[in-house]
Amino acid sequence: MDIKMAFFPSLAPDAGIGDLFKIKPGHREGFGKFSEAVMRGTSNFTIGDRELIAAYTSALNACDYCYGGHAAIAREHGVEDNVFEILIDDIELAPVDDKLKPILRFVRKLTLEPSKMVQADADAVYQSGWNEEALADAIWICARFNMMNRLSLGHGLNADPTLFESRAKKLSYEKS
């Protein structure tokens, strides 16, 4: 396997998100609090659901670095192994709770076609039984991972699959 180098000479080939704060240390504290609130704070979604949304958003963006780590965390929280490949192709066939599917459709559109979001997209979520807070939670997760995907891809972080599990075990949203 070729070792991909990060785009920044100061970053090691196995650099992770935490290493980006060596370049911009002032961003660590606020970013960590934000990440903790979105991914582990009070929510209508379980940790598994949030990690599913995170990994799904990352898969849609073809960000292997974020997808690999967050898919591993999602699996640790009960998400089936094969769910993401199916989700990318067809949300309706994916082995996820039917109640999550309107949320995932919303996240997909917000990620791939954000300027085309309309009231009907939110209404579909509400009609499936979710409230405004739940939709807001999904939007915050989606937004966080669209940002993380750009940070990872923009810095050239190595999406080495042999590192996904170990990175997932070390993840701490407080210290993001």
C-alpha atoms as a PDB file:
ATOM      1  CA  MET A   1       0.000   0.000   0.000  1.00  0.00           C
ATOM      2  CA  ASP A   2       1.300   3.433  -0.890  1.00  0.00           C
ATOM      3  CA  ILE A   3       1.516   5.788   2.061  1.00  0.00           C
ATOM      4  CA  LYS A   4      -0.262   8.995   1.177  1.00  0.00           C
ATOM      5  CA  MET A   5       1.356  12.115   2.533  1.00  0.00           C
ATOM      6  CA  ALA A   6      -0.718  14.935   3.966  1.00  0.00           C
ATOM      7  CA  PHE A   7      -0.663  18.149   1.961  1.00  0.00           C
ATOM      8  CA  PHE A   8       1.075  19.973   4.823  1.00  0.00           C
ATOM      9  CA  PRO A   9       4.777  19.210   5.374  1.00  0.00           C
ATOM     10  CA  SER A  10       4.311  19.575   9.140  1.00  0.00           C
ATOM     11  CA  LEU A  11       1.789  16.698   9.227  1.00  0.00           C
ATOM     12  CA  ALA A  12       2.937  13.086   9.522  1.00  0.00           C
ATOM     13  CA  PRO A  13       1.617  10.500   7.040  1.00  0.00           C
ATOM     14  CA  ASP A  14      -0.658   9.095   9.767  1.00  0.00           C
ATOM     15  CA  ALA A  15      -1.876  12.524  10.958  1.00  0.00           C
ATOM     16  CA  GLY A  16      -5.392  12.704  12.308  1.00  0.00           C
ATOM     17  CA  ILE A  17      -7.885  15.458  12.953  1.00  0.00           C
ATOM     18  CA  GLY A  18      -6.246  16.242  16.300  1.00  0.00           C
ATOM     19  CA  ASP A  19      -3.008  17.025  14.501  1.00  0.00           C
ATOM     20  CA  LEU A  20      -4.693  19.828  12.565  1.00  0.00           C
ATOM     21  CA  PHE A  21      -4.879  21.803  15.807  1.00  0.00           C
ATOM     22  CA  LYS A  22      -1.082  21.948  15.870  1.00  0.00           C
ATOM     23  CA  ILE A  23      -1.424  24.262  12.880  1.00  0.00           C
ATOM     24  CA  LYS A  24      -4.329  26.262  14.389  1.00  0.00           C
ATOM     25  CA  PRO A  25      -4.254  25.640  18.175  1.00  0.00           C
ATOM     26  CA  GLY A  26      -6.738  28.398  18.925  1.00  0.00           C
ATOM     27  CA  HIS A  27      -9.495  26.416  17.223  1.00  0.00           C
ATOM     28  CA  ARG A  28      -9.262  23.394  19.549  1.00  0.00           C
ATOM     29  CA  GLU A  29     -11.326  24.472  22.561  1.00  0.00           C
ATOM     30  CA  GLY A  30     -14.333  25.896  20.737  1.00  0.00           C
ATOM     31  CA  PHE A  31     -14.330  23.106  18.203  1.00  0.00           C
ATOM     32  CA  GLY A  32     -14.165  20.466  20.931  1.00  0.00           C
ATOM     33  CA  LYS A  33     -17.130  21.945  22.793  1.00  0.00           C
ATOM     34  CA  PHE A  34     -19.128  22.217  19.573  1.00  0.00           C
ATOM     35  CA  SER A  35     -18.333  18.621  18.619  1.00  0.00           C
ATOM     36  CA  GLU A  36     -19.201  17.288  22.068  1.00  0.00           C
ATOM     37  CA  ALA A  37     -22.552  19.103  22.040  1.00  0.00           C
ATOM     38  CA  VAL A  38     -23.492  17.858  18.568  1.00  0.00           C
ATOM     39  CA  MET A  39     -22.278  14.280  18.845  1.00  0.00           C
ATOM     40  CA  ARG A  40     -22.700  13.440  22.546  1.00  0.00           C
ATOM     41  CA  GLY A  41     -25.019  16.072  24.001  1.00  0.00           C
ATOM     42  CA  THR A  42     -28.760  15.749  24.561  1.00  0.00           C
ATOM     43  CA  SER A  43     -30.428  14.611  21.352  1.00  0.00           C
ATOM     44  CA  ASN A  44     -33.407  12.828  19.884  1.00  0.00           C
ATOM     45  CA  PHE A  45     -30.884  10.449  18.317  1.00  0.00           C
ATOM     46  CA  THR A  46     -28.833   7.697  19.909  1.00  0.00           C
ATOM     47  CA  ILE A  47     -25.063   7.749  19.608  1.00  0.00           C
ATOM     48  CA  GLY A  48     -25.411   5.026  16.973  1.00  0.00           C
ATOM     49  CA  ASP A  49     -27.888   7.151  14.998  1.00  0.00           C
ATOM     50  CA  ARG A  50     -25.586  10.177  15.166  1.00  0.00           C
ATOM     51  CA  GLU A  51     -22.586   8.152  14.036  1.00  0.00           C
ATOM     52  CA  LEU A  52     -24.710   6.656  11.246  1.00  0.00           C
ATOM     53  CA  ILE A  53     -25.591  10.173  10.042  1.00  0.00           C
ATOM     54  CA  ALA A  54     -21.932  11.221  10.370  1.00  0.00           C
ATOM     55  CA  ALA A  55     -20.617   8.252   8.397  1.00  0.00           C
ATOM     56  CA  TYR A  56     -23.399   8.541   5.808  1.00  0.00           C
ATOM     57  CA  THR A  57     -22.641  12.231   5.233  1.00  0.00           C
ATOM     58  CA  SER A  58     -18.951  11.380   4.887  1.00  0.00           C
ATOM     59  CA  ALA A  59     -19.694   8.554   2.444  1.00  0.00           C
ATOM     60  CA  LEU A  60     -21.807  10.906   0.326  1.00  0.00           C
ATOM     61  CA  ASN A  61     -18.839  13.289   0.223  1.00  0.00           C
ATOM     62  CA  ALA A  62     -16.421  10.455  -0.632  1.00  0.00           C
ATOM     63  CA  CYS A  63     -14.380  11.339   2.453  1.00  0.00           C
ATOM     64  CA  ASP A  64     -12.869   7.964   3.270  1.00  0.00           C
ATOM     65  CA  TYR A  65     -10.982   9.320   6.285  1.00  0.00           C
ATOM     66  CA  CYS A  66     -14.149  10.415   8.140  1.00  0.00           C
ATOM     67  CA  TYR A  67     -16.327   7.649   6.743  1.00  0.00           C
ATOM     68  CA  GLY A  68     -13.988   4.875   7.876  1.00  0.00           C
ATOM     69  CA  GLY A  69     -13.639   6.087  11.441  1.00  0.00           C
ATOM     70  CA  HIS A  70     -17.278   6.977  12.003  1.00  0.00           C
ATOM     71  CA  ALA A  71     -18.582   3.818  10.344  1.00  0.00           C
ATOM     72  CA  ALA A  72     -16.427   1.893  12.844  1.00  0.00           C
ATOM     73  CA  ILE A  73     -17.918   3.868  15.750  1.00  0.00           C
ATOM     74  CA  ALA A  74     -21.432   3.369  14.362  1.00  0.00           C
ATOM     75  CA  ARG A  75     -20.823  -0.390  14.251  1.00  0.00           C
ATOM     76  CA  GLU A  76     -19.682  -0.284  17.890  1.00  0.00           C
ATOM     77  CA  HIS A  77     -23.077   1.268  18.667  1.00  0.00           C
ATOM     78  CA  GLY A  78     -25.175  -1.349  16.882  1.00  0.00           C
ATOM     79  CA  VAL A  79     -25.280  -0.206  13.253  1.00  0.00           C
ATOM     80  CA  GLU A  80     -25.061  -3.137  10.828  1.00  0.00           C
ATOM     81  CA  ASP A  81     -21.826  -3.627   8.869  1.00  0.00           C
ATOM     82  CA  ASN A  82     -23.335  -3.443   5.391  1.00  0.00           C
ATOM     83  CA  VAL A  83     -25.716  -0.538   5.947  1.00  0.00           C
ATOM     84  CA  PHE A  84     -23.617   2.203   4.348  1.00  0.00           C
ATOM     85  CA  GLU A  85     -23.092   0.575   0.963  1.00  0.00           C
ATOM     86  CA  ILE A  86     -26.843   0.022   0.710  1.00  0.00           C
ATOM     87  CA  LEU A  87     -27.659   3.539   1.975  1.00  0.00           C
ATOM     88  CA  ILE A  88     -25.537   5.141  -0.727  1.00  0.00           C
ATOM     89  CA  ASP A  89     -27.412   3.225  -3.428  1.00  0.00           C
ATOM     90  CA  ASP A  90     -30.945   3.226  -2.004  1.00  0.00           C
ATOM     91  CA  ILE A  91     -32.127   4.550   1.350  1.00  0.00           C
ATOM     92  CA  GLU A  92     -35.363   2.573   1.057  1.00  0.00           C
ATOM     93  CA  LEU A  93     -33.535  -0.781   0.930  1.00  0.00           C
ATOM     94  CA  ALA A  94     -31.116   0.010   3.748  1.00  0.00           C
ATOM     95  CA  PRO A  95     -31.427  -2.038   6.956  1.00  0.00           C
ATOM     96  CA  VAL A  96     -32.147   0.975   9.177  1.00  0.00           C
ATOM     97  CA  ASP A  97     -35.216   1.897  11.201  1.00  0.00           C
ATOM     98  CA  ASP A  98     -37.888   3.184   8.807  1.00  0.00           C
ATOM     99  CA  LYS A  99     -38.328   6.209  11.055  1.00  0.00           C
ATOM    100  CA  LEU A 100     -34.732   7.287  10.270  1.00  0.00           C
ATOM    101  CA  LYS A 101     -35.215   7.171   6.499  1.00  0.00           C
ATOM    102  CA  PRO A 102     -36.833  10.639   6.153  1.00  0.00           C
ATOM    103  CA  ILE A 103     -33.947  12.065   8.200  1.00  0.00           C
ATOM    104  CA  LEU A 104     -31.437  10.323   5.932  1.00  0.00           C
ATOM    105  CA  ARG A 105     -33.208  11.580   2.799  1.00  0.00           C
ATOM    106  CA  PHE A 106     -33.017  15.117   4.222  1.00  0.00           C
ATOM    107  CA  VAL A 107     -29.312  14.700   5.069  1.00  0.00           C
ATOM    108  CA  ARG A 108     -28.592  13.345   1.594  1.00  0.00           C
ATOM    109  CA  LYS A 109     -30.186  16.324  -0.121  1.00  0.00           C
ATOM    110  CA  LEU A 110     -28.630  18.825   2.292  1.00  0.00           C
ATOM    111  CA  THR A 111     -25.206  17.317   1.572  1.00  0.00           C
ATOM    112  CA  LEU A 112     -25.476  16.900  -2.189  1.00  0.00           C
ATOM    113  CA  GLU A 113     -27.881  19.696  -3.194  1.00  0.00           C
ATOM    114  CA  PRO A 114     -28.033  22.219  -0.345  1.00  0.00           C
ATOM    115  CA  SER A 115     -29.335  25.090  -2.471  1.00  0.00           C
ATOM    116  CA  LYS A 116     -32.354  22.990  -3.458  1.00  0.00           C
ATOM    117  CA  MET A 117     -33.706  22.492   0.075  1.00  0.00           C
ATOM    118  CA  VAL A 118     -37.407  23.445   0.347  1.00  0.00           C
ATOM    119  CA  GLN A 119     -40.146  23.404   2.971  1.00  0.00           C
ATOM    120  CA  ALA A 120     -41.387  20.056   1.649  1.00  0.00           C
ATOM    121  CA  ASP A 121     -38.082  18.472   2.703  1.00  0.00           C
ATOM    122  CA  ALA A 122     -38.628  19.534   6.312  1.00  0.00           C
ATOM    123  CA  ASP A 123     -42.327  18.669   6.150  1.00  0.00           C
ATOM    124  CA  ALA A 124     -41.498  15.086   5.131  1.00  0.00           C
ATOM    125  CA  VAL A 125     -39.435  14.759   8.313  1.00  0.00           C
ATOM    126  CA  TYR A 126     -42.195  16.248  10.482  1.00  0.00           C
ATOM    127  CA  GLN A 127     -44.852  14.032   8.872  1.00  0.00           C
ATOM    128  CA  SER A 128     -42.835  10.963   9.835  1.00  0.00           C
ATOM    129  CA  GLY A 129     -43.092  11.912  13.509  1.00  0.00           C
ATOM    130  CA  TRP A 130     -39.918  13.888  14.129  1.00  0.00           C
ATOM    131  CA  ASN A 131     -40.047  17.311  15.773  1.00  0.00           C
ATOM    132  CA  GLU A 132     -38.096  20.499  15.060  1.00  0.00           C
ATOM    133  CA  GLU A 133     -35.401  19.648  17.595  1.00  0.00           C
ATOM    134  CA  ALA A 134     -34.761  16.290  15.918  1.00  0.00           C
ATOM    135  CA  LEU A 135     -34.482  17.891  12.495  1.00  0.00           C
ATOM    136  CA  ALA A 136     -32.171  20.543  13.928  1.00  0.00           C
ATOM    137  CA  ASP A 137     -30.024  17.778  15.479  1.00  0.00           C
ATOM    138  CA  ALA A 138     -29.756  16.072  12.083  1.00  0.00           C
ATOM    139  CA  ILE A 139     -28.830  19.352  10.390  1.00  0.00           C
ATOM    140  CA  TRP A 140     -26.106  20.084  12.972  1.00  0.00           C
ATOM    141  CA  ILE A 141     -24.626  16.592  12.549  1.00  0.00           C
ATOM    142  CA  CYS A 142     -24.762  16.888   8.774  1.00  0.00           C
ATOM    143  CA  ALA A 143     -23.186  20.354   8.876  1.00  0.00           C
ATOM    144  CA  ARG A 144     -20.440  19.237  11.254  1.00  0.00           C
ATOM    145  CA  PHE A 145     -19.474  16.379   8.984  1.00  0.00           C
ATOM    146  CA  ASN A 146     -19.616  18.391   5.799  1.00  0.00           C
ATOM    147  CA  MET A 147     -17.115  20.696   7.518  1.00  0.00           C
ATOM    148  CA  MET A 148     -15.014  17.789   8.828  1.00  0.00           C
ATOM    149  CA  ASN A 149     -14.950  16.225   5.386  1.00  0.00           C
ATOM    150  CA  ARG A 150     -13.580  19.447   3.907  1.00  0.00           C
ATOM    151  CA  LEU A 151     -10.985  19.728   6.675  1.00  0.00           C
ATOM    152  CA  SER A 152      -9.858  16.128   6.150  1.00  0.00           C
ATOM    153  CA  LEU A 153      -9.802  16.271   2.370  1.00  0.00           C
ATOM    154  CA  GLY A 154      -8.323  19.770   2.267  1.00  0.00           C
ATOM    155  CA  HIS A 155      -5.422  18.833   4.542  1.00  0.00           C
ATOM    156  CA  GLY A 156      -4.885  15.543   2.704  1.00  0.00           C
ATOM    157  CA  LEU A 157      -5.384  13.263   5.714  1.00  0.00           C
ATOM    158  CA  ASN A 158      -4.549   9.637   4.996  1.00  0.00           C
ATOM    159  CA  ALA A 159      -7.587   7.372   4.786  1.00  0.00           C
ATOM    160  CA  ASP A 160      -5.606   4.231   5.631  1.00  0.00           C
ATOM    161  CA  PRO A 161      -8.202   1.538   6.461  1.00  0.00           C
ATOM    162  CA  THR A 162      -5.777  -0.143   8.857  1.00  0.00           C
ATOM    163  CA  LEU A 163      -6.055   2.943  11.083  1.00  0.00           C
ATOM    164  CA  PHE A 164      -9.875   3.293  11.172  1.00  0.00           C
ATOM    165  CA  GLU A 165     -10.535   1.042  14.168  1.00  0.00           C
ATOM    166  CA  SER A 166      -7.685   2.421  16.283  1.00  0.00           C
ATOM    167  CA  ARG A 167      -8.647   6.019  15.486  1.00  0.00           C
ATOM    168  CA  ALA A 168     -12.266   5.250  16.360  1.00  0.00           C
ATOM    169  CA  LYS A 169     -11.238   3.901  19.762  1.00  0.00           C
ATOM    170  CA  LYS A 170      -9.201   7.046  20.496  1.00  0.00           C
ATOM    171  CA  LEU A 171     -11.892   9.503  19.430  1.00  0.00           C
ATOM    172  CA  SER A 172     -12.865  11.980  22.106  1.00  0.00           C
ATOM    173  CA  TYR A 173     -15.211  14.746  21.086  1.00  0.00           C
ATOM    174  CA  GLU A 174     -14.088  16.833  24.066  1.00  0.00           C
ATOM    175  CA  LYS A 175     -10.548  16.919  22.683  1.00  0.00           C
ATOM    176  CA  SER A 176     -11.463  17.135  18.985  1.00  0.00           C
END
